[in-house]
Amino acid sequence: MTKNQIPKDAIKCLDKGFVRLVDSMGGDDAIVQSARVSYGQGTSKVSQDRGLIRYLMRHRHTTPFEMVEFKFHCKMPIFVARQWVRHRTANINEYSLRYSEARDEFYFPDPAHIQFQSTLNKQGRMGDVPAELKQKVLDYFKEISDRSFAMYSDLNEAGVARELARSLLPVNLYTEWYWKNDLHNLLHFIGLRSDSHAQYEIRVYSDAMAESVKKVAPFAWEAFQDYVVKGMRFSRIEQSLLEKQLPPRVVDDISEDIAYQITATMHKNKPRDEPDLYPLYQKQGGSDSEEDFKFKWDSGEIETGNVRELREFKEKLQKLKK
């Protein structure tokens, strides 16, 4: 690949980097196949596959997600790569500066991302930097990049070993690698590196890889968003506070709504005759009168969901009642 060239099928990252999905093995079908320990694609409906994947994600059954693999070709500054390799579950083969000469490709930050050191987070940045200071930062980046590469090239021409000459090069030099990981560990990577608190320069690469996950395993990505990224877990102390402060009537009201949702979902999945709806609702723990039930049912405002998920939520709520 020539200098600064970005493959047509790659997602550009930063000023000269990219992420390109080279290959993938499996998808949502591989997850459910593994979970069912079956052969072939199976005979289940798509809706059942989605429900199973959501169940696996919700209950942190991770092994089936490890059956899906992604292989990426990535180009990034060395300092980004050094953060990246802290995720030690991947297979990596990187461009070697012992065997090959370095290319004159350095990362220069966009002025919009030049900020002061955060006073709230030792690993972050914040605040607006004056224009003259931003220019000074860019001038220093260019000066150290140009000078170090000139000295490196001079040593190369003099026959000094590349494995030693490379030590002169700064960490804003671009490197490349092939990076292969399974879906479970890739989602863990994305969960950390696409977070708003992650460093911007690695976040753009994580976001780029996320685009591939969305296409290859859309149900898994949806479940990851619902239960991990946008979900919430409570510690023992937090749960104890909820138990003490949450009025029982609030729990009862929510549980009542869930009984309606379970009934509506079961009716949607397998339509019942009208006389059978109220008894079905009562079996789900509903306590409204038949008249109130009919009024709410006819309103058409009852949402549907996943029966198993709704029942699990109801069980959790009941545990909050003293």
C-alpha atoms as a PDB file:
ATOM      1  CA  MET A   1       0.000   0.000   0.000  1.00  0.00           C
ATOM      2  CA  THR A   2       1.382   3.398  -0.977  1.00  0.00           C
ATOM      3  CA  LYS A   3       1.819   6.303   1.407  1.00  0.00           C
ATOM      4  CA  ASN A   4      -1.442   7.685   2.847  1.00  0.00           C
ATOM      5  CA  GLN A   5      -3.524   5.313   0.699  1.00  0.00           C
ATOM      6  CA  ILE A   6      -6.817   4.186   2.235  1.00  0.00           C
ATOM      7  CA  PRO A   7      -8.547   1.070   0.802  1.00  0.00           C
ATOM      8  CA  LYS A   8     -11.876   1.721  -0.896  1.00  0.00           C
ATOM      9  CA  ASP A   9     -13.744  -0.639   1.438  1.00  0.00           C
ATOM     10  CA  ALA A  10     -12.233   0.859   4.609  1.00  0.00           C
ATOM     11  CA  ILE A  11     -13.616   3.393   7.078  1.00  0.00           C
ATOM     12  CA  LYS A  12     -11.258   6.345   7.436  1.00  0.00           C
ATOM     13  CA  CYS A  13     -10.111   7.088  10.984  1.00  0.00           C
ATOM     14  CA  LEU A  14      -8.205  10.194  12.093  1.00  0.00           C
ATOM     15  CA  ASP A  15      -6.130  11.901   9.391  1.00  0.00           C
ATOM     16  CA  LYS A  16      -4.413   8.902   7.774  1.00  0.00           C
ATOM     17  CA  GLY A  17      -5.766   5.780   9.489  1.00  0.00           C
ATOM     18  CA  PHE A  18      -8.529   3.317   8.702  1.00  0.00           C
ATOM     19  CA  VAL A  19     -10.412   0.191   9.751  1.00  0.00           C
ATOM     20  CA  ARG A  20     -11.277  -2.435   7.152  1.00  0.00           C
ATOM     21  CA  LEU A  21     -13.217  -5.638   7.763  1.00  0.00           C
ATOM     22  CA  VAL A  22     -11.187  -8.306   5.978  1.00  0.00           C
ATOM     23  CA  ASP A  23     -13.268 -11.324   6.909  1.00  0.00           C
ATOM     24  CA  SER A  24     -15.837 -12.593   9.371  1.00  0.00           C
ATOM     25  CA  MET A  25     -16.979 -16.042  10.408  1.00  0.00           C
ATOM     26  CA  GLY A  26     -20.555 -16.592  11.505  1.00  0.00           C
ATOM     27  CA  GLY A  27     -23.215 -14.167  12.644  1.00  0.00           C
ATOM     28  CA  ASP A  28     -26.440 -14.310  14.619  1.00  0.00           C
ATOM     29  CA  ASP A  29     -27.086 -17.790  13.207  1.00  0.00           C
ATOM     30  CA  ALA A  30     -23.776 -19.077  14.599  1.00  0.00           C
ATOM     31  CA  ILE A  31     -24.673 -17.773  18.057  1.00  0.00           C
ATOM     32  CA  VAL A  32     -28.012 -19.583  18.230  1.00  0.00           C
ATOM     33  CA  GLN A  33     -26.572 -22.701  16.603  1.00  0.00           C
ATOM     34  CA  SER A  34     -23.912 -22.894  19.291  1.00  0.00           C
ATOM     35  CA  ALA A  35     -26.399 -22.191  22.063  1.00  0.00           C
ATOM     36  CA  ARG A  36     -28.658 -25.010  20.873  1.00  0.00           C
ATOM     37  CA  VAL A  37     -25.714 -27.349  20.251  1.00  0.00           C
ATOM     38  CA  SER A  38     -27.237 -28.266  16.909  1.00  0.00           C
ATOM     39  CA  TYR A  39     -26.082 -28.854  13.370  1.00  0.00           C
ATOM     40  CA  GLY A  40     -26.967 -26.803  10.336  1.00  0.00           C
ATOM     41  CA  GLN A  41     -29.051 -23.649  10.483  1.00  0.00           C
ATOM     42  CA  GLY A  42     -31.924 -25.207  12.407  1.00  0.00           C
ATOM     43  CA  THR A  43     -35.633 -24.722  11.922  1.00  0.00           C
ATOM     44  CA  SER A  44     -36.433 -21.999  14.449  1.00  0.00           C
ATOM     45  CA  LYS A  45     -38.121 -18.752  13.490  1.00  0.00           C
ATOM     46  CA  VAL A  46     -36.118 -15.536  13.224  1.00  0.00           C
ATOM     47  CA  SER A  47     -38.096 -14.111  16.156  1.00  0.00           C
ATOM     48  CA  GLN A  48     -37.046 -17.090  18.283  1.00  0.00           C
ATOM     49  CA  ASP A  49     -33.408 -16.587  17.302  1.00  0.00           C
ATOM     50  CA  ARG A  50     -33.632 -12.950  18.357  1.00  0.00           C
ATOM     51  CA  GLY A  51     -35.246 -13.909  21.660  1.00  0.00           C
ATOM     52  CA  LEU A  52     -32.558 -16.486  22.396  1.00  0.00           C
ATOM     53  CA  ILE A  53     -29.738 -14.038  21.637  1.00  0.00           C
ATOM     54  CA  ARG A  54     -31.331 -11.458  23.917  1.00  0.00           C
ATOM     55  CA  TYR A  55     -31.660 -14.080  26.662  1.00  0.00           C
ATOM     56  CA  LEU A  56     -27.987 -15.041  26.307  1.00  0.00           C
ATOM     57  CA  MET A  57     -26.853 -11.421  26.465  1.00  0.00           C
ATOM     58  CA  ARG A  58     -29.169 -10.587  29.361  1.00  0.00           C
ATOM     59  CA  HIS A  59     -27.905 -13.497  31.456  1.00  0.00           C
ATOM     60  CA  ARG A  60     -24.263 -13.080  30.405  1.00  0.00           C
ATOM     61  CA  HIS A  61     -23.942 -16.472  28.701  1.00  0.00           C
ATOM     62  CA  THR A  62     -20.884 -15.445  26.716  1.00  0.00           C
ATOM     63  CA  THR A  63     -19.583 -18.623  25.059  1.00  0.00           C
ATOM     64  CA  PRO A  64     -22.019 -18.636  22.090  1.00  0.00           C
ATOM     65  CA  PHE A  65     -20.869 -15.117  21.176  1.00  0.00           C
ATOM     66  CA  GLU A  66     -17.297 -16.385  20.985  1.00  0.00           C
ATOM     67  CA  MET A  67     -18.292 -18.516  17.972  1.00  0.00           C
ATOM     68  CA  VAL A  68     -18.414 -15.407  15.764  1.00  0.00           C
ATOM     69  CA  GLU A  69     -15.088 -13.953  14.637  1.00  0.00           C
ATOM     70  CA  PHE A  70     -13.956 -10.758  12.924  1.00  0.00           C
ATOM     71  CA  LYS A  71     -10.659 -10.020  11.199  1.00  0.00           C
ATOM     72  CA  PHE A  72      -9.774  -6.362  10.650  1.00  0.00           C
ATOM     73  CA  HIS A  73      -6.982  -4.579   8.823  1.00  0.00           C
ATOM     74  CA  CYS A  74      -6.247  -1.421  10.798  1.00  0.00           C
ATOM     75  CA  LYS A  75      -3.893   1.518  10.511  1.00  0.00           C
ATOM     76  CA  MET A  76      -3.411   3.709  13.565  1.00  0.00           C
ATOM     77  CA  PRO A  77      -0.814   5.822  15.426  1.00  0.00           C
ATOM     78  CA  ILE A  78       1.497   3.769  17.628  1.00  0.00           C
ATOM     79  CA  PHE A  79       0.169   5.373  20.824  1.00  0.00           C
ATOM     80  CA  VAL A  80      -3.333   4.188  19.870  1.00  0.00           C
ATOM     81  CA  ALA A  81      -2.000   0.698  19.148  1.00  0.00           C
ATOM     82  CA  ARG A  82      -0.420   0.556  22.604  1.00  0.00           C
ATOM     83  CA  GLN A  83      -3.791   1.241  24.216  1.00  0.00           C
ATOM     84  CA  TRP A  84      -5.398  -1.252  21.868  1.00  0.00           C
ATOM     85  CA  VAL A  85      -3.154  -4.193  22.799  1.00  0.00           C
ATOM     86  CA  ARG A  86      -4.212  -3.973  26.429  1.00  0.00           C
ATOM     87  CA  HIS A  87      -7.147  -6.055  25.188  1.00  0.00           C
ATOM     88  CA  ARG A  88      -5.183  -9.279  25.217  1.00  0.00           C
ATOM     89  CA  THR A  89      -7.726 -11.683  23.724  1.00  0.00           C
ATOM     90  CA  ALA A  90      -6.998 -10.960  20.049  1.00  0.00           C
ATOM     91  CA  ASN A  91      -4.621 -12.422  17.464  1.00  0.00           C
ATOM     92  CA  ILE A  92      -2.392  -9.687  16.034  1.00  0.00           C
ATOM     93  CA  ASN A  93       0.192  -9.426  13.290  1.00  0.00           C
ATOM     94  CA  GLU A  94       1.739  -5.951  13.072  1.00  0.00           C
ATOM     95  CA  TYR A  95       3.863  -4.155  10.485  1.00  0.00           C
ATOM     96  CA  SER A  96       7.450  -4.781  11.583  1.00  0.00           C
ATOM     97  CA  LEU A  97      10.000  -1.979  11.729  1.00  0.00           C
ATOM     98  CA  ARG A  98      12.744  -4.590  12.151  1.00  0.00           C
ATOM     99  CA  TYR A  99      12.080  -6.058   8.708  1.00  0.00           C
ATOM    100  CA  SER A 100      10.645  -3.053   6.872  1.00  0.00           C
ATOM    101  CA  GLU A 101      11.428   0.631   6.699  1.00  0.00           C
ATOM    102  CA  ALA A 102       9.105   3.077   8.397  1.00  0.00           C
ATOM    103  CA  ARG A 103       6.876   5.216   6.210  1.00  0.00           C
ATOM    104  CA  ASP A 104       6.766   8.968   6.625  1.00  0.00           C
ATOM    105  CA  GLU A 105       3.224   8.924   8.012  1.00  0.00           C
ATOM    106  CA  PHE A 106       2.511  10.714  11.262  1.00  0.00           C
ATOM    107  CA  TYR A 107      -0.653  11.647  13.102  1.00  0.00           C
ATOM    108  CA  PHE A 108      -1.406  15.349  13.435  1.00  0.00           C
ATOM    109  CA  PRO A 109      -4.445  16.090  15.611  1.00  0.00           C
ATOM    110  CA  ASP A 110      -7.389  18.081  14.377  1.00  0.00           C
ATOM    111  CA  PRO A 111      -7.331  21.488  16.123  1.00  0.00           C
ATOM    112  CA  ALA A 112     -10.834  20.794  17.448  1.00  0.00           C
ATOM    113  CA  HIS A 113      -9.420  17.948  19.553  1.00  0.00           C
ATOM    114  CA  ILE A 114      -6.512  19.868  21.066  1.00  0.00           C
ATOM    115  CA  GLN A 115      -7.592  20.607  24.634  1.00  0.00           C
ATOM    116  CA  PHE A 116      -6.205  21.122  28.132  1.00  0.00           C
ATOM    117  CA  GLN A 117      -5.540  18.332  30.607  1.00  0.00           C
ATOM    118  CA  SER A 118      -8.735  17.556  32.493  1.00  0.00           C
ATOM    119  CA  THR A 119      -8.792  18.596  36.140  1.00  0.00           C
ATOM    120  CA  LEU A 120     -11.485  15.990  36.829  1.00  0.00           C
ATOM    121  CA  ASN A 121     -10.017  12.966  35.050  1.00  0.00           C
ATOM    122  CA  LYS A 122      -6.299  12.209  35.012  1.00  0.00           C
ATOM    123  CA  GLN A 123      -6.736  10.384  31.699  1.00  0.00           C
ATOM    124  CA  GLY A 124      -8.901  12.946  29.922  1.00  0.00           C
ATOM    125  CA  ARG A 125      -8.929  16.350  28.278  1.00  0.00           C
ATOM    126  CA  MET A 126     -11.283  19.294  28.516  1.00  0.00           C
ATOM    127  CA  GLY A 127     -11.770  22.966  27.728  1.00  0.00           C
ATOM    128  CA  ASP A 128     -10.984  25.245  24.821  1.00  0.00           C
ATOM    129  CA  VAL A 129      -7.364  25.984  23.982  1.00  0.00           C
ATOM    130  CA  PRO A 130      -6.439  29.405  22.522  1.00  0.00           C
ATOM    131  CA  ALA A 131      -5.721  29.401  18.789  1.00  0.00           C
ATOM    132  CA  GLU A 132      -2.068  30.358  19.254  1.00  0.00           C
ATOM    133  CA  LEU A 133      -1.491  27.429  21.626  1.00  0.00           C
ATOM    134  CA  LYS A 134      -3.208  25.037  19.216  1.00  0.00           C
ATOM    135  CA  GLN A 135      -0.863  26.198  16.481  1.00  0.00           C
ATOM    136  CA  LYS A 136       2.095  25.686  18.798  1.00  0.00           C
ATOM    137  CA  VAL A 137       0.974  22.104  19.451  1.00  0.00           C
ATOM    138  CA  LEU A 138       0.685  21.412  15.723  1.00  0.00           C
ATOM    139  CA  ASP A 139       4.071  23.019  15.054  1.00  0.00           C
ATOM    140  CA  TYR A 140       5.688  20.803  17.697  1.00  0.00           C
ATOM    141  CA  PHE A 141       4.013  17.703  16.253  1.00  0.00           C
ATOM    142  CA  LYS A 142       5.344  18.521  12.802  1.00  0.00           C
ATOM    143  CA  GLU A 143       8.808  19.478  14.032  1.00  0.00           C
ATOM    144  CA  ILE A 144       9.399  16.296  16.030  1.00  0.00           C
ATOM    145  CA  SER A 145       7.933  14.144  13.256  1.00  0.00           C
ATOM    146  CA  ASP A 146      10.062  15.714  10.513  1.00  0.00           C
ATOM    147  CA  ARG A 147      13.276  15.769  12.560  1.00  0.00           C
ATOM    148  CA  SER A 148      12.961  12.237  13.893  1.00  0.00           C
ATOM    149  CA  PHE A 149      12.159  10.806  10.463  1.00  0.00           C
ATOM    150  CA  ALA A 150      15.092  12.670   8.900  1.00  0.00           C
ATOM    151  CA  MET A 151      17.465  11.228  11.520  1.00  0.00           C
ATOM    152  CA  TYR A 152      15.921   7.767  11.112  1.00  0.00           C
ATOM    153  CA  SER A 153      16.390   7.951   7.326  1.00  0.00           C
ATOM    154  CA  ASP A 154      19.985   9.110   7.772  1.00  0.00           C
ATOM    155  CA  LEU A 155      20.782   6.104   9.974  1.00  0.00           C
ATOM    156  CA  ASN A 156      19.086   3.777   7.506  1.00  0.00           C
ATOM    157  CA  GLU A 157      21.200   5.111   4.652  1.00  0.00           C
ATOM    158  CA  ALA A 158      24.308   4.669   6.811  1.00  0.00           C
ATOM    159  CA  GLY A 159      23.446   0.993   7.247  1.00  0.00           C
ATOM    160  CA  VAL A 160      22.496   1.111  10.929  1.00  0.00           C
ATOM    161  CA  ALA A 161      20.192  -1.763  11.891  1.00  0.00           C
ATOM    162  CA  ARG A 162      16.527  -0.881  11.451  1.00  0.00           C
ATOM    163  CA  GLU A 163      15.656  -2.493  14.782  1.00  0.00           C
ATOM    164  CA  LEU A 164      17.802   0.159  16.477  1.00  0.00           C
ATOM    165  CA  ALA A 165      17.128   3.129  14.206  1.00  0.00           C
ATOM    166  CA  ARG A 166      13.371   2.781  14.772  1.00  0.00           C
ATOM    167  CA  SER A 167      13.876   3.792  18.403  1.00  0.00           C
ATOM    168  CA  LEU A 168      14.165   7.408  17.272  1.00  0.00           C
ATOM    169  CA  LEU A 169      10.606   7.521  15.953  1.00  0.00           C
ATOM    170  CA  PRO A 170       7.817   9.042  18.096  1.00  0.00           C
ATOM    171  CA  VAL A 171       4.540   7.334  18.968  1.00  0.00           C
ATOM    172  CA  ASN A 172       2.469   9.456  16.571  1.00  0.00           C
ATOM    173  CA  LEU A 173       3.986   7.382  13.740  1.00  0.00           C
ATOM    174  CA  TYR A 174       1.372   5.239  12.002  1.00  0.00           C
ATOM    175  CA  THR A 175       1.543   1.461  12.175  1.00  0.00           C
ATOM    176  CA  GLU A 176      -0.663  -1.265  10.681  1.00  0.00           C
ATOM    177  CA  TRP A 177      -1.853  -4.668  11.762  1.00  0.00           C
ATOM    178  CA  TYR A 178      -4.298  -7.465  11.177  1.00  0.00           C
ATOM    179  CA  TRP A 179      -6.432  -7.935  14.284  1.00  0.00           C
ATOM    180  CA  LYS A 180      -8.733 -10.936  14.809  1.00  0.00           C
ATOM    181  CA  ASN A 181     -11.102 -11.357  17.727  1.00  0.00           C
ATOM    182  CA  ASP A 182     -14.326 -13.129  18.658  1.00  0.00           C
ATOM    183  CA  LEU A 183     -17.588 -11.232  19.053  1.00  0.00           C
ATOM    184  CA  HIS A 184     -17.768 -11.512  22.845  1.00  0.00           C
ATOM    185  CA  ASN A 185     -14.378  -9.890  23.358  1.00  0.00           C
ATOM    186  CA  LEU A 186     -14.925  -7.434  20.509  1.00  0.00           C
ATOM    187  CA  LEU A 187     -18.111  -6.198  22.193  1.00  0.00           C
ATOM    188  CA  HIS A 188     -16.175  -5.820  25.443  1.00  0.00           C
ATOM    189  CA  PHE A 189     -13.596  -3.746  23.556  1.00  0.00           C
ATOM    190  CA  ILE A 190     -16.307  -1.581  21.990  1.00  0.00           C
ATOM    191  CA  GLY A 191     -18.072  -1.158  25.322  1.00  0.00           C
ATOM    192  CA  LEU A 192     -14.912   0.357  26.794  1.00  0.00           C
ATOM    193  CA  ARG A 193     -13.381   2.148  23.821  1.00  0.00           C
ATOM    194  CA  SER A 194     -16.558   3.653  22.356  1.00  0.00           C
ATOM    195  CA  ASP A 195     -17.511   5.047  25.743  1.00  0.00           C
ATOM    196  CA  SER A 196     -17.555   8.840  25.957  1.00  0.00           C
ATOM    197  CA  HIS A 197     -14.744   8.689  28.542  1.00  0.00           C
ATOM    198  CA  ALA A 198     -12.379   6.826  26.203  1.00  0.00           C
ATOM    199  CA  GLN A 199      -9.642   8.741  24.406  1.00  0.00           C
ATOM    200  CA  TYR A 200     -10.944  10.247  21.183  1.00  0.00           C
ATOM    201  CA  GLU A 201      -8.156   8.798  19.046  1.00  0.00           C
ATOM    202  CA  ILE A 202      -9.045   5.194  19.890  1.00  0.00           C
ATOM    203  CA  ARG A 203     -12.777   5.836  20.086  1.00  0.00           C
ATOM    204  CA  VAL A 204     -13.006   6.516  16.351  1.00  0.00           C
ATOM    205  CA  TYR A 205     -11.509   3.081  15.613  1.00  0.00           C
ATOM    206  CA  SER A 206     -13.879   1.365  18.021  1.00  0.00           C
ATOM    207  CA  ASP A 207     -16.846   3.135  16.432  1.00  0.00           C
ATOM    208  CA  ALA A 208     -15.660   2.035  12.990  1.00  0.00           C
ATOM    209  CA  MET A 209     -15.466  -1.628  14.039  1.00  0.00           C
ATOM    210  CA  ALA A 210     -18.909  -1.331  15.601  1.00  0.00           C
ATOM    211  CA  GLU A 211     -20.309  -0.634  12.135  1.00  0.00           C
ATOM    212  CA  SER A 212     -19.155  -4.092  11.025  1.00  0.00           C
ATOM    213  CA  VAL A 213     -20.731  -5.763  14.058  1.00  0.00           C
ATOM    214  CA  LYS A 214     -24.076  -4.102  13.288  1.00  0.00           C
ATOM    215  CA  LYS A 215     -24.061  -5.632   9.804  1.00  0.00           C
ATOM    216  CA  VAL A 216     -22.720  -9.102  10.628  1.00  0.00           C
ATOM    217  CA  ALA A 217     -24.676  -9.767  13.850  1.00  0.00           C
ATOM    218  CA  PRO A 218     -27.551  -7.249  14.095  1.00  0.00           C
ATOM    219  CA  PHE A 219     -29.508  -9.136  16.790  1.00  0.00           C
ATOM    220  CA  ALA A 220     -26.400  -9.467  18.956  1.00  0.00           C
ATOM    221  CA  TRP A 221     -25.650  -5.775  18.491  1.00  0.00           C
ATOM    222  CA  GLU A 222     -29.216  -4.844  19.445  1.00  0.00           C
ATOM    223  CA  ALA A 223     -29.026  -6.975  22.597  1.00  0.00           C
ATOM    224  CA  PHE A 224     -25.618  -5.514  23.477  1.00  0.00           C
ATOM    225  CA  GLN A 225     -27.051  -2.004  23.257  1.00  0.00           C
ATOM    226  CA  ASP A 226     -30.141  -2.876  25.307  1.00  0.00           C
ATOM    227  CA  TYR A 227     -28.503  -4.848  28.113  1.00  0.00           C
ATOM    228  CA  VAL A 228     -24.905  -3.612  28.296  1.00  0.00           C
ATOM    229  CA  VAL A 229     -24.431  -0.160  26.793  1.00  0.00           C
ATOM    230  CA  LYS A 230     -27.805   1.294  27.781  1.00  0.00           C
ATOM    231  CA  GLY A 231     -28.673  -1.193  30.504  1.00  0.00           C
ATOM    232  CA  MET A 232     -28.066  -0.808  34.226  1.00  0.00           C
ATOM    233  CA  ARG A 233     -27.081  -3.130  37.054  1.00  0.00           C
ATOM    234  CA  PHE A 234     -27.422  -2.368  40.744  1.00  0.00           C
ATOM    235  CA  SER A 235     -24.920  -3.198  43.453  1.00  0.00           C
ATOM    236  CA  ARG A 236     -26.041  -4.788  46.714  1.00  0.00           C
ATOM    237  CA  ILE A 237     -25.919  -1.388  48.421  1.00  0.00           C
ATOM    238  CA  GLU A 238     -27.914   0.298  45.654  1.00  0.00           C
ATOM    239  CA  GLN A 239     -30.509  -2.461  45.704  1.00  0.00           C
ATOM    240  CA  SER A 240     -30.812  -2.123  49.469  1.00  0.00           C
ATOM    241  CA  LEU A 241     -31.516   1.597  49.108  1.00  0.00           C
ATOM    242  CA  LEU A 242     -34.222   0.884  46.537  1.00  0.00           C
ATOM    243  CA  GLU A 243     -35.817  -1.674  48.837  1.00  0.00           C
ATOM    244  CA  LYS A 244     -35.988   0.899  51.621  1.00  0.00           C
ATOM    245  CA  GLN A 245     -37.078   3.904  49.579  1.00  0.00           C
ATOM    246  CA  LEU A 246     -39.286   2.534  46.798  1.00  0.00           C
ATOM    247  CA  PRO A 247     -42.956   2.500  47.914  1.00  0.00           C
ATOM    248  CA  PRO A 248     -44.629  -0.925  47.511  1.00  0.00           C
ATOM    249  CA  ARG A 249     -47.511   0.685  45.603  1.00  0.00           C
ATOM    250  CA  VAL A 250     -45.065   1.795  42.890  1.00  0.00           C
ATOM    251  CA  VAL A 251     -43.816  -1.777  42.519  1.00  0.00           C
ATOM    252  CA  ASP A 252     -47.415  -3.006  42.384  1.00  0.00           C
ATOM    253  CA  ASP A 253     -48.351  -0.466  39.699  1.00  0.00           C
ATOM    254  CA  ILE A 254     -45.398  -1.458  37.518  1.00  0.00           C
ATOM    255  CA  SER A 255     -46.130  -5.158  38.068  1.00  0.00           C
ATOM    256  CA  GLU A 256     -49.713  -4.536  36.978  1.00  0.00           C
ATOM    257  CA  ASP A 257     -48.511  -2.918  33.758  1.00  0.00           C
ATOM    258  CA  ILE A 258     -46.246  -5.898  33.148  1.00  0.00           C
ATOM    259  CA  ALA A 259     -49.191  -8.295  33.548  1.00  0.00           C
ATOM    260  CA  TYR A 260     -50.980  -6.393  30.780  1.00  0.00           C
ATOM    261  CA  GLN A 261     -47.876  -6.447  28.564  1.00  0.00           C
ATOM    262  CA  ILE A 262     -47.371 -10.190  29.039  1.00  0.00           C
ATOM    263  CA  THR A 263     -51.012 -10.831  28.176  1.00  0.00           C
ATOM    264  CA  ALA A 264     -50.830  -8.637  25.075  1.00  0.00           C
ATOM    265  CA  THR A 265     -47.599 -10.294  23.963  1.00  0.00           C
ATOM    266  CA  MET A 266     -48.981 -13.810  24.402  1.00  0.00           C
ATOM    267  CA  HIS A 267     -52.119 -12.811  22.503  1.00  0.00           C
ATOM    268  CA  LYS A 268     -50.001 -11.341  19.713  1.00  0.00           C
ATOM    269  CA  ASN A 269     -47.903 -14.500  19.450  1.00  0.00           C
ATOM    270  CA  LYS A 270     -50.923 -16.805  19.640  1.00  0.00           C
ATOM    271  CA  PRO A 271     -54.308 -15.046  19.282  1.00  0.00           C
ATOM    272  CA  ARG A 272     -56.929 -15.946  21.912  1.00  0.00           C
ATOM    273  CA  ASP A 273     -60.703 -15.631  21.876  1.00  0.00           C
ATOM    274  CA  GLU A 274     -61.942 -12.546  23.706  1.00  0.00           C
ATOM    275  CA  PRO A 275     -63.465 -14.492  26.667  1.00  0.00           C
ATOM    276  CA  ASP A 276     -60.050 -16.078  27.298  1.00  0.00           C
ATOM    277  CA  LEU A 277     -58.136 -12.798  27.614  1.00  0.00           C
ATOM    278  CA  TYR A 278     -59.140 -11.792  31.137  1.00  0.00           C
ATOM    279  CA  PRO A 279     -58.366 -15.244  32.654  1.00  0.00           C
ATOM    280  CA  LEU A 280     -55.009 -15.141  30.841  1.00  0.00           C
ATOM    281  CA  TYR A 281     -54.321 -11.723  32.344  1.00  0.00           C
ATOM    282  CA  GLN A 282     -55.179 -13.015  35.828  1.00  0.00           C
ATOM    283  CA  LYS A 283     -52.727 -15.891  35.391  1.00  0.00           C
ATOM    284  CA  GLN A 284     -49.994 -13.290  34.851  1.00  0.00           C
ATOM    285  CA  GLY A 285     -50.743 -11.782  38.265  1.00  0.00           C
ATOM    286  CA  GLY A 286     -53.119  -9.054  37.093  1.00  0.00           C
ATOM    287  CA  SER A 287     -55.501  -7.775  39.776  1.00  0.00           C
ATOM    288  CA  ASP A 288     -57.753  -5.276  37.954  1.00  0.00           C
ATOM    289  CA  SER A 289     -61.458  -5.998  37.710  1.00  0.00           C
ATOM    290  CA  GLU A 290     -62.777  -7.454  34.472  1.00  0.00           C
ATOM    291  CA  GLU A 291     -64.438  -4.125  33.680  1.00  0.00           C
ATOM    292  CA  ASP A 292     -61.194  -2.172  34.194  1.00  0.00           C
ATOM    293  CA  PHE A 293     -59.307  -4.769  32.193  1.00  0.00           C
ATOM    294  CA  LYS A 294     -61.660  -4.434  29.228  1.00  0.00           C
ATOM    295  CA  PHE A 295     -61.434  -0.640  29.333  1.00  0.00           C
ATOM    296  CA  LYS A 296     -57.637  -0.665  29.254  1.00  0.00           C
ATOM    297  CA  TRP A 297     -57.455  -3.494  26.722  1.00  0.00           C
ATOM    298  CA  ASP A 298     -59.744  -1.650  24.314  1.00  0.00           C
ATOM    299  CA  SER A 299     -57.613   1.499  24.595  1.00  0.00           C
ATOM    300  CA  GLY A 300     -54.999  -0.104  22.324  1.00  0.00           C
ATOM    301  CA  GLU A 301     -52.186   1.464  24.370  1.00  0.00           C
ATOM    302  CA  ILE A 302     -50.708  -1.725  25.819  1.00  0.00           C
ATOM    303  CA  GLU A 303     -47.156  -2.370  24.647  1.00  0.00           C
ATOM    304  CA  THR A 304     -45.809  -5.811  23.815  1.00  0.00           C
ATOM    305  CA  GLY A 305     -42.373  -7.259  24.453  1.00  0.00           C
ATOM    306  CA  ASN A 306     -40.648 -10.524  25.262  1.00  0.00           C
ATOM    307  CA  VAL A 307     -42.633 -12.730  27.655  1.00  0.00           C
ATOM    308  CA  ARG A 308     -39.605 -14.249  29.365  1.00  0.00           C
ATOM    309  CA  GLU A 309     -37.926 -10.873  29.764  1.00  0.00           C
ATOM    310  CA  LEU A 310     -41.079  -9.285  31.181  1.00  0.00           C
ATOM    311  CA  ARG A 311     -41.515 -12.095  33.705  1.00  0.00           C
ATOM    312  CA  GLU A 312     -37.904 -11.788  34.818  1.00  0.00           C
ATOM    313  CA  PHE A 313     -38.376  -8.059  35.286  1.00  0.00           C
ATOM    314  CA  LYS A 314     -41.483  -8.678  37.360  1.00  0.00           C
ATOM    315  CA  GLU A 315     -39.589 -11.113  39.583  1.00  0.00           C
ATOM    316  CA  LYS A 316     -36.867  -8.527  40.159  1.00  0.00           C
ATOM    317  CA  LEU A 317     -39.444  -5.919  41.098  1.00  0.00           C
ATOM    318  CA  GLN A 318     -41.096  -8.199  43.626  1.00  0.00           C
ATOM    319  CA  LYS A 319     -37.737  -8.698  45.343  1.00  0.00           C
ATOM    320  CA  LEU A 320     -37.676  -4.965  46.058  1.00  0.00           C
ATOM    321  CA  LYS A 321     -40.804  -5.237  48.207  1.00  0.00           C
ATOM    322  CA  LYS A 322     -40.211  -5.716  51.896  1.00  0.00           C
END
